[in-house]
């Protein structure tokens, strides 16, 4: 799979995704995207979703891609231009974890100053993967 990518600055990589990533495409897409990030050496990765449809598999793949970026000391943010796409991330509860924005400038703003140091112990991000019932954490 080919994903157009650009370097808006020395420290940023912008990857465009124009098509829906379905289950059969998930693994090759993840390999290709991980390879792009690994070879870039950047501190900020912006994933620009140009597709109107975001699947659950795509969300899961982006979460794994985020982990791969963090392992290399990079921060990842997602641009979801369509309201329905942003809604999928909110419903899945990962819109904050993936730093989902409606615009490229918004994604750049949320990543400013957010650089992950892989040498530090992993920190649990508030709201990522946690469910609250009546004010308690489970």
C-alpha atoms as a PDB file:
ATOM      1  CA  UNK A   1       0.000   0.000   0.000  1.00  0.00           C
ATOM      2  CA  UNK A   2       1.181   3.472  -0.805  1.00  0.00           C
ATOM      3  CA  UNK A   3       0.520   6.441   1.428  1.00  0.00           C
ATOM      4  CA  UNK A   4       1.489   9.915   0.258  1.00  0.00           C
ATOM      5  CA  UNK A   5       3.687  11.560   2.848  1.00  0.00           C
ATOM      6  CA  UNK A   6       5.331  14.957   3.230  1.00  0.00           C
ATOM      7  CA  UNK A   7       7.750  16.635   5.625  1.00  0.00           C
ATOM      8  CA  UNK A   8       6.175  20.023   6.447  1.00  0.00           C
ATOM      9  CA  UNK A   9       9.136  20.642   8.739  1.00  0.00           C
ATOM     10  CA  UNK A  10      12.325  18.866   9.732  1.00  0.00           C
ATOM     11  CA  UNK A  11      10.611  17.381  12.768  1.00  0.00           C
ATOM     12  CA  UNK A  12       7.178  16.495  11.285  1.00  0.00           C
ATOM     13  CA  UNK A  13       5.908  13.740   9.036  1.00  0.00           C
ATOM     14  CA  UNK A  14       2.484  14.125   7.417  1.00  0.00           C
ATOM     15  CA  UNK A  15       0.952  10.866   6.151  1.00  0.00           C
ATOM     16  CA  UNK A  16      -2.226  10.967   4.072  1.00  0.00           C
ATOM     17  CA  UNK A  17      -4.748   8.122   4.055  1.00  0.00           C
ATOM     18  CA  UNK A  18      -7.217   8.487   1.197  1.00  0.00           C
ATOM     19  CA  UNK A  19      -8.976   5.114   1.273  1.00  0.00           C
ATOM     20  CA  UNK A  20     -10.811   3.063   3.860  1.00  0.00           C
ATOM     21  CA  UNK A  21      -8.606   0.451   5.494  1.00  0.00           C
ATOM     22  CA  UNK A  22     -10.610  -2.756   5.806  1.00  0.00           C
ATOM     23  CA  UNK A  23      -9.691  -5.942   7.639  1.00  0.00           C
ATOM     24  CA  UNK A  24      -7.792  -7.497   4.693  1.00  0.00           C
ATOM     25  CA  UNK A  25      -5.815  -4.248   4.232  1.00  0.00           C
ATOM     26  CA  UNK A  26      -5.111  -3.632   7.912  1.00  0.00           C
ATOM     27  CA  UNK A  27      -1.891  -5.630   8.296  1.00  0.00           C
ATOM     28  CA  UNK A  28      -0.131  -4.450   5.101  1.00  0.00           C
ATOM     29  CA  UNK A  29      -1.214  -0.859   5.799  1.00  0.00           C
ATOM     30  CA  UNK A  30       0.142  -1.035   9.338  1.00  0.00           C
ATOM     31  CA  UNK A  31       3.468  -2.437   8.103  1.00  0.00           C
ATOM     32  CA  UNK A  32       3.780   0.305   5.482  1.00  0.00           C
ATOM     33  CA  UNK A  33       2.888   3.086   7.927  1.00  0.00           C
ATOM     34  CA  UNK A  34       5.180   1.746  10.658  1.00  0.00           C
ATOM     35  CA  UNK A  35       7.998   1.599   8.125  1.00  0.00           C
ATOM     36  CA  UNK A  36       7.384   5.222   7.101  1.00  0.00           C
ATOM     37  CA  UNK A  37       7.549   6.357  10.719  1.00  0.00           C
ATOM     38  CA  UNK A  38      10.588   4.242  11.561  1.00  0.00           C
ATOM     39  CA  UNK A  39      12.572   5.621   8.640  1.00  0.00           C
ATOM     40  CA  UNK A  40      11.631   9.247   9.224  1.00  0.00           C
ATOM     41  CA  UNK A  41      13.327  10.039  12.542  1.00  0.00           C
ATOM     42  CA  UNK A  42      10.731  12.750  13.269  1.00  0.00           C
ATOM     43  CA  UNK A  43       9.254  13.722  16.626  1.00  0.00           C
ATOM     44  CA  UNK A  44       5.736  14.432  15.338  1.00  0.00           C
ATOM     45  CA  UNK A  45       3.620  12.223  13.067  1.00  0.00           C
ATOM     46  CA  UNK A  46       0.400  13.643  11.645  1.00  0.00           C
ATOM     47  CA  UNK A  47      -1.987  11.135  10.059  1.00  0.00           C
ATOM     48  CA  UNK A  48      -4.388  12.946   7.731  1.00  0.00           C
ATOM     49  CA  UNK A  49      -7.501  10.821   7.135  1.00  0.00           C
ATOM     50  CA  UNK A  50      -9.083  11.942   3.883  1.00  0.00           C
ATOM     51  CA  UNK A  51     -11.595   9.090   3.872  1.00  0.00           C
ATOM     52  CA  UNK A  52     -15.149   9.702   5.116  1.00  0.00           C
ATOM     53  CA  UNK A  53     -15.362   6.204   6.622  1.00  0.00           C
ATOM     54  CA  UNK A  54     -13.364   5.063   9.626  1.00  0.00           C
ATOM     55  CA  UNK A  55     -13.689   1.400  10.620  1.00  0.00           C
ATOM     56  CA  UNK A  56     -13.058  -0.209  13.995  1.00  0.00           C
ATOM     57  CA  UNK A  57     -10.064  -1.985  12.481  1.00  0.00           C
ATOM     58  CA  UNK A  58      -8.676   1.334  11.317  1.00  0.00           C
ATOM     59  CA  UNK A  59      -9.025   2.760  14.827  1.00  0.00           C
ATOM     60  CA  UNK A  60      -7.225  -0.280  16.292  1.00  0.00           C
ATOM     61  CA  UNK A  61      -4.479   0.024  13.679  1.00  0.00           C
ATOM     62  CA  UNK A  62      -3.994   3.725  14.483  1.00  0.00           C
ATOM     63  CA  UNK A  63      -3.703   2.862  18.179  1.00  0.00           C
ATOM     64  CA  UNK A  64      -0.951   0.348  17.372  1.00  0.00           C
ATOM     65  CA  UNK A  65       0.684   2.890  15.072  1.00  0.00           C
ATOM     66  CA  UNK A  66       0.626   5.396  17.931  1.00  0.00           C
ATOM     67  CA  UNK A  67       2.385   2.863  20.172  1.00  0.00           C
ATOM     68  CA  UNK A  68       5.015   2.272  17.467  1.00  0.00           C
ATOM     69  CA  UNK A  69       5.568   6.021  17.118  1.00  0.00           C
ATOM     70  CA  UNK A  70       5.893   6.425  20.890  1.00  0.00           C
ATOM     71  CA  UNK A  71       8.438   3.600  21.008  1.00  0.00           C
ATOM     72  CA  UNK A  72      10.563   5.720  18.674  1.00  0.00           C
ATOM     73  CA  UNK A  73      10.074   8.903  20.703  1.00  0.00           C
ATOM     74  CA  UNK A  74       7.457  10.438  18.405  1.00  0.00           C
ATOM     75  CA  UNK A  75       4.028  11.889  19.101  1.00  0.00           C
ATOM     76  CA  UNK A  76       1.130  10.962  16.809  1.00  0.00           C
ATOM     77  CA  UNK A  77      -1.980  12.999  16.032  1.00  0.00           C
ATOM     78  CA  UNK A  78      -4.863  12.261  13.671  1.00  0.00           C
ATOM     79  CA  UNK A  79      -6.645  14.707  11.384  1.00  0.00           C
ATOM     80  CA  UNK A  80     -10.207  13.485  10.795  1.00  0.00           C
ATOM     81  CA  UNK A  81     -11.698  16.032   8.425  1.00  0.00           C
ATOM     82  CA  UNK A  82     -15.215  14.563   8.336  1.00  0.00           C
ATOM     83  CA  UNK A  83     -17.581  14.876  11.332  1.00  0.00           C
ATOM     84  CA  UNK A  84     -18.645  11.224  11.047  1.00  0.00           C
ATOM     85  CA  UNK A  85     -15.014  10.089  11.194  1.00  0.00           C
ATOM     86  CA  UNK A  86     -14.414  12.179  14.346  1.00  0.00           C
ATOM     87  CA  UNK A  87     -17.580  10.715  15.860  1.00  0.00           C
ATOM     88  CA  UNK A  88     -16.217   7.168  15.410  1.00  0.00           C
ATOM     89  CA  UNK A  89     -13.096   8.096  17.398  1.00  0.00           C
ATOM     90  CA  UNK A  90     -15.244   9.678  20.153  1.00  0.00           C
ATOM     91  CA  UNK A  91     -17.528   6.619  20.320  1.00  0.00           C
ATOM     92  CA  UNK A  92     -14.473   4.345  20.560  1.00  0.00           C
ATOM     93  CA  UNK A  93     -13.166   6.548  23.381  1.00  0.00           C
ATOM     94  CA  UNK A  94      -9.786   7.191  21.734  1.00  0.00           C
ATOM     95  CA  UNK A  95     -10.210  10.744  20.411  1.00  0.00           C
ATOM     96  CA  UNK A  96      -7.964  12.175  23.134  1.00  0.00           C
ATOM     97  CA  UNK A  97      -5.431   9.361  23.041  1.00  0.00           C
ATOM     98  CA  UNK A  98      -5.031   9.749  19.275  1.00  0.00           C
ATOM     99  CA  UNK A  99      -5.229  13.556  19.534  1.00  0.00           C
ATOM    100  CA  UNK A 100      -7.960  13.735  16.884  1.00  0.00           C
ATOM    101  CA  UNK A 101      -8.514  17.136  15.273  1.00  0.00           C
ATOM    102  CA  UNK A 102     -10.721  18.393  12.462  1.00  0.00           C
ATOM    103  CA  UNK A 103      -7.906  20.346  10.802  1.00  0.00           C
ATOM    104  CA  UNK A 104      -4.215  20.031  10.139  1.00  0.00           C
ATOM    105  CA  UNK A 105      -3.523  23.227  12.062  1.00  0.00           C
ATOM    106  CA  UNK A 106      -5.475  21.786  15.006  1.00  0.00           C
ATOM    107  CA  UNK A 107      -3.400  18.606  14.946  1.00  0.00           C
ATOM    108  CA  UNK A 108      -0.199  20.641  14.881  1.00  0.00           C
ATOM    109  CA  UNK A 109      -1.425  22.701  17.828  1.00  0.00           C
ATOM    110  CA  UNK A 110      -2.244  19.680  20.013  1.00  0.00           C
ATOM    111  CA  UNK A 111       1.161  18.122  19.384  1.00  0.00           C
ATOM    112  CA  UNK A 112       3.156  21.250  20.169  1.00  0.00           C
ATOM    113  CA  UNK A 113       5.214  20.504  23.248  1.00  0.00           C
ATOM    114  CA  UNK A 114       3.972  16.893  23.442  1.00  0.00           C
ATOM    115  CA  UNK A 115       7.084  14.848  22.892  1.00  0.00           C
ATOM    116  CA  UNK A 116       7.342  11.362  24.264  1.00  0.00           C
ATOM    117  CA  UNK A 117      10.595  10.158  25.782  1.00  0.00           C
ATOM    118  CA  UNK A 118      10.799   6.359  25.323  1.00  0.00           C
ATOM    119  CA  UNK A 119      13.429   6.180  28.101  1.00  0.00           C
ATOM    120  CA  UNK A 120      10.822   7.205  30.692  1.00  0.00           C
ATOM    121  CA  UNK A 121       8.461   4.602  32.148  1.00  0.00           C
ATOM    122  CA  UNK A 122       5.151   4.366  30.322  1.00  0.00           C
ATOM    123  CA  UNK A 123       2.570   6.745  31.712  1.00  0.00           C
ATOM    124  CA  UNK A 124      -1.062   5.890  31.707  1.00  0.00           C
ATOM    125  CA  UNK A 125      -2.986   8.505  29.798  1.00  0.00           C
ATOM    126  CA  UNK A 126      -6.127   9.690  31.462  1.00  0.00           C
ATOM    127  CA  UNK A 127      -9.179   8.146  29.901  1.00  0.00           C
ATOM    128  CA  UNK A 128      -7.327   5.680  27.689  1.00  0.00           C
ATOM    129  CA  UNK A 129      -8.876   2.289  28.122  1.00  0.00           C
ATOM    130  CA  UNK A 130     -10.574   3.007  31.407  1.00  0.00           C
ATOM    131  CA  UNK A 131     -14.251   2.713  32.112  1.00  0.00           C
ATOM    132  CA  UNK A 132     -16.004   4.452  34.983  1.00  0.00           C
ATOM    133  CA  UNK A 133     -19.114   3.167  36.704  1.00  0.00           C
ATOM    134  CA  UNK A 134     -20.770   5.394  39.274  1.00  0.00           C
ATOM    135  CA  UNK A 135     -17.574   7.326  39.943  1.00  0.00           C
ATOM    136  CA  UNK A 136     -15.320   4.304  40.456  1.00  0.00           C
ATOM    137  CA  UNK A 137     -12.582   2.952  38.257  1.00  0.00           C
ATOM    138  CA  UNK A 138     -12.771  -0.630  37.021  1.00  0.00           C
END
